[in-house]
Amino acid sequence: MSGESSVDTGNGPGGDTGTGGDVGEVVRFEVVGHGDDALVVHVLGEIDTLTAPVLRGELDEHLPTVPLVVLDLTKVTFLGSAGLAVLVAAKDDAERRGHRLRLVCGSRIVTRALEATGLLALFDVADGVPEALRPSA
């Protein structure tokens, strides 16, 4: 798709996240722009107490920049309570800005965590990234 760009946040293997520890082996992000109106943040790995602040920083960086941020959690292998708290805070932040945060759960691990805590109904959820990028999703 034209207009797409991929950004490595430096949180890959060996990357320093600035959190005081190397979480690059645990979580990575790939950010893909879709024109001026949307971007997708692909999350790969675990979102726990150690990595949740890194996810929060990633979302804080991107939520103000476009009206729609799609958070692709398809390759998340663990989603703990700290990660859930980040998702709720990011959703609230997006709404305050008049923007949207749309989730692509993509795995039973993520869906189960959101369902078990009663949070799934709070989020705008799409079945996949292409659906999430549609204006009517």
Protein backbone atom coordinates (compact mmCIF):
# COMPACT_ATOMS: atom_id res chain seq x y z
CA MET A 1 0.00 0.00 0.00
CA SER A 2 1.44 3.35 -0.94
CA GLY A 3 2.06 5.81 1.85
CA GLU A 4 3.09 3.12 4.28
CA SER A 5 6.24 3.42 6.29
CA SER A 6 7.78 1.08 8.77
CA VAL A 7 9.55 2.34 11.85
CA ASP A 8 11.69 0.17 14.10
CA THR A 9 11.41 1.68 17.54
CA GLY A 10 14.77 0.32 18.57
CA ASN A 11 13.15 -2.14 20.94
CA GLY A 12 14.26 -5.16 18.94
CA PRO A 13 16.89 -7.61 20.12
CA GLY A 14 19.61 -5.67 21.88
CA GLY A 15 17.66 -2.41 21.72
CA ASP A 16 17.71 -0.15 24.77
CA THR A 17 14.23 0.96 25.70
CA GLY A 18 15.32 3.50 28.27
CA THR A 19 13.44 1.69 31.02
CA GLY A 20 16.53 0.67 32.91
CA GLY A 21 16.54 -2.87 31.52
CA ASP A 22 16.71 -4.51 28.17
CA VAL A 23 13.21 -5.66 27.32
CA GLY A 24 14.00 -6.04 23.63
CA GLU A 25 13.91 -9.81 23.89
CA VAL A 26 10.46 -9.64 25.52
CA VAL A 27 8.55 -7.07 23.44
CA ARG A 28 8.99 -5.34 20.10
CA PHE A 29 6.96 -2.80 18.16
CA GLU A 30 6.61 -2.12 14.48
CA VAL A 31 4.78 1.05 13.49
CA VAL A 32 3.30 1.31 10.02
CA GLY A 33 1.78 4.57 8.81
CA HIS A 34 -1.33 4.56 6.63
CA GLY A 35 -1.49 8.05 5.21
CA ASP A 36 -2.25 11.03 7.44
CA ASP A 37 -5.24 9.47 9.14
CA ALA A 38 -4.10 6.17 10.64
CA LEU A 39 -1.21 4.07 11.79
CA VAL A 40 -0.84 0.54 13.03
CA VAL A 41 1.29 -0.39 16.02
CA HIS A 42 2.13 -4.09 15.80
CA VAL A 43 3.10 -5.51 19.19
CA LEU A 44 5.16 -8.68 19.40
CA GLY A 45 5.86 -10.42 22.70
CA GLU A 46 4.79 -10.06 26.31
CA ILE A 47 3.01 -7.13 27.95
CA ASP A 48 3.68 -7.43 31.67
CA THR A 49 4.84 -5.23 34.53
CA LEU A 50 8.25 -4.76 32.92
CA THR A 51 7.08 -4.03 29.38
CA ALA A 52 3.80 -2.17 29.99
CA PRO A 53 5.59 1.19 30.48
CA VAL A 54 7.32 0.66 27.13
CA LEU A 55 3.94 0.06 25.48
CA ARG A 56 2.61 3.18 27.20
CA GLY A 57 5.50 5.23 25.84
CA GLU A 58 4.87 3.89 22.35
CA LEU A 59 1.18 4.81 22.53
CA ASP A 60 1.90 8.22 24.07
CA GLU A 61 4.16 8.94 21.13
CA HIS A 62 1.64 7.96 18.45
CA LEU A 63 -1.86 8.69 19.79
CA PRO A 64 -1.55 12.48 19.34
CA THR A 65 -0.30 12.19 15.75
CA VAL A 66 -3.25 10.61 13.89
CA PRO A 67 -7.02 10.27 14.34
CA LEU A 68 -6.87 6.44 14.36
CA VAL A 69 -4.29 4.22 16.02
CA VAL A 70 -4.76 0.50 15.46
CA LEU A 71 -3.05 -1.62 18.09
CA ASP A 72 -2.37 -5.03 16.59
CA LEU A 73 -2.02 -7.49 19.47
CA THR A 74 -2.08 -10.59 17.27
CA LYS A 75 1.46 -11.62 18.24
CA VAL A 76 1.19 -10.82 21.95
CA THR A 77 2.06 -13.93 23.94
CA PHE A 78 1.09 -12.61 27.39
CA LEU A 79 -1.12 -9.74 28.53
CA GLY A 80 -1.02 -9.03 32.26
CA SER A 81 -2.86 -6.55 34.43
CA ALA A 82 -0.26 -3.83 33.88
CA GLY A 83 -0.78 -4.14 30.15
CA LEU A 84 -4.55 -4.01 30.56
CA ALA A 85 -4.19 -0.81 32.59
CA VAL A 86 -2.11 0.73 29.79
CA LEU A 87 -4.78 -0.16 27.23
CA VAL A 88 -7.53 1.48 29.31
CA ALA A 89 -5.44 4.61 29.90
CA ALA A 90 -4.56 4.83 26.19
CA LYS A 91 -8.22 4.47 25.22
CA ASP A 92 -9.16 7.28 27.60
CA ASP A 93 -6.33 9.45 26.26
CA ALA A 94 -7.40 8.86 22.66
CA GLU A 95 -11.00 9.77 23.47
CA ARG A 96 -9.95 12.98 25.24
CA ARG A 97 -8.11 13.98 22.07
CA GLY A 98 -11.07 13.11 19.86
CA HIS A 99 -9.05 10.23 18.40
CA ARG A 100 -9.70 6.49 18.27
CA LEU A 101 -7.76 3.51 19.56
CA ARG A 102 -8.89 0.33 17.85
CA LEU A 103 -7.65 -3.10 18.98
CA VAL A 104 -6.97 -6.19 16.91
CA CYS A 105 -6.85 -8.95 19.53
CA GLY A 106 -5.96 -11.73 17.11
CA SER A 107 -5.30 -14.36 19.75
CA ARG A 108 -7.15 -16.18 22.48
CA ILE A 109 -4.53 -14.96 24.97
CA VAL A 110 -5.47 -11.31 24.49
CA THR A 111 -9.19 -11.91 24.10
CA ARG A 112 -9.31 -14.03 27.25
CA ALA A 113 -7.53 -11.38 29.32
CA LEU A 114 -9.95 -8.68 28.14
CA GLU A 115 -13.02 -10.90 28.62
CA ALA A 116 -12.00 -12.16 32.07
CA THR A 117 -11.64 -8.61 33.35
CA GLY A 118 -14.82 -7.33 31.69
CA LEU A 119 -12.80 -4.87 29.58
CA LEU A 120 -13.50 -6.27 26.13
CA ALA A 121 -16.77 -4.33 25.78
CA LEU A 122 -14.97 -1.03 26.48
CA PHE A 123 -12.83 -1.24 23.37
CA ASP A 124 -13.38 -0.76 19.68
CA VAL A 125 -12.24 -4.18 18.42
CA ALA A 126 -11.72 -5.37 14.85
CA ASP A 127 -11.11 -8.89 13.56
CA GLY A 128 -7.98 -7.92 11.63
CA VAL A 129 -5.85 -4.97 10.60
CA PRO A 130 -7.57 -4.43 7.22
CA GLU A 131 -10.95 -4.24 8.98
CA ALA A 132 -9.54 -1.99 11.68
CA LEU A 133 -8.34 0.50 9.08
CA ARG A 134 -11.77 0.81 7.48
CA PRO A 135 -13.52 4.02 8.55
CA SER A 136 -16.74 2.18 9.42
CA ALA A 137 -15.07 -0.56 11.50
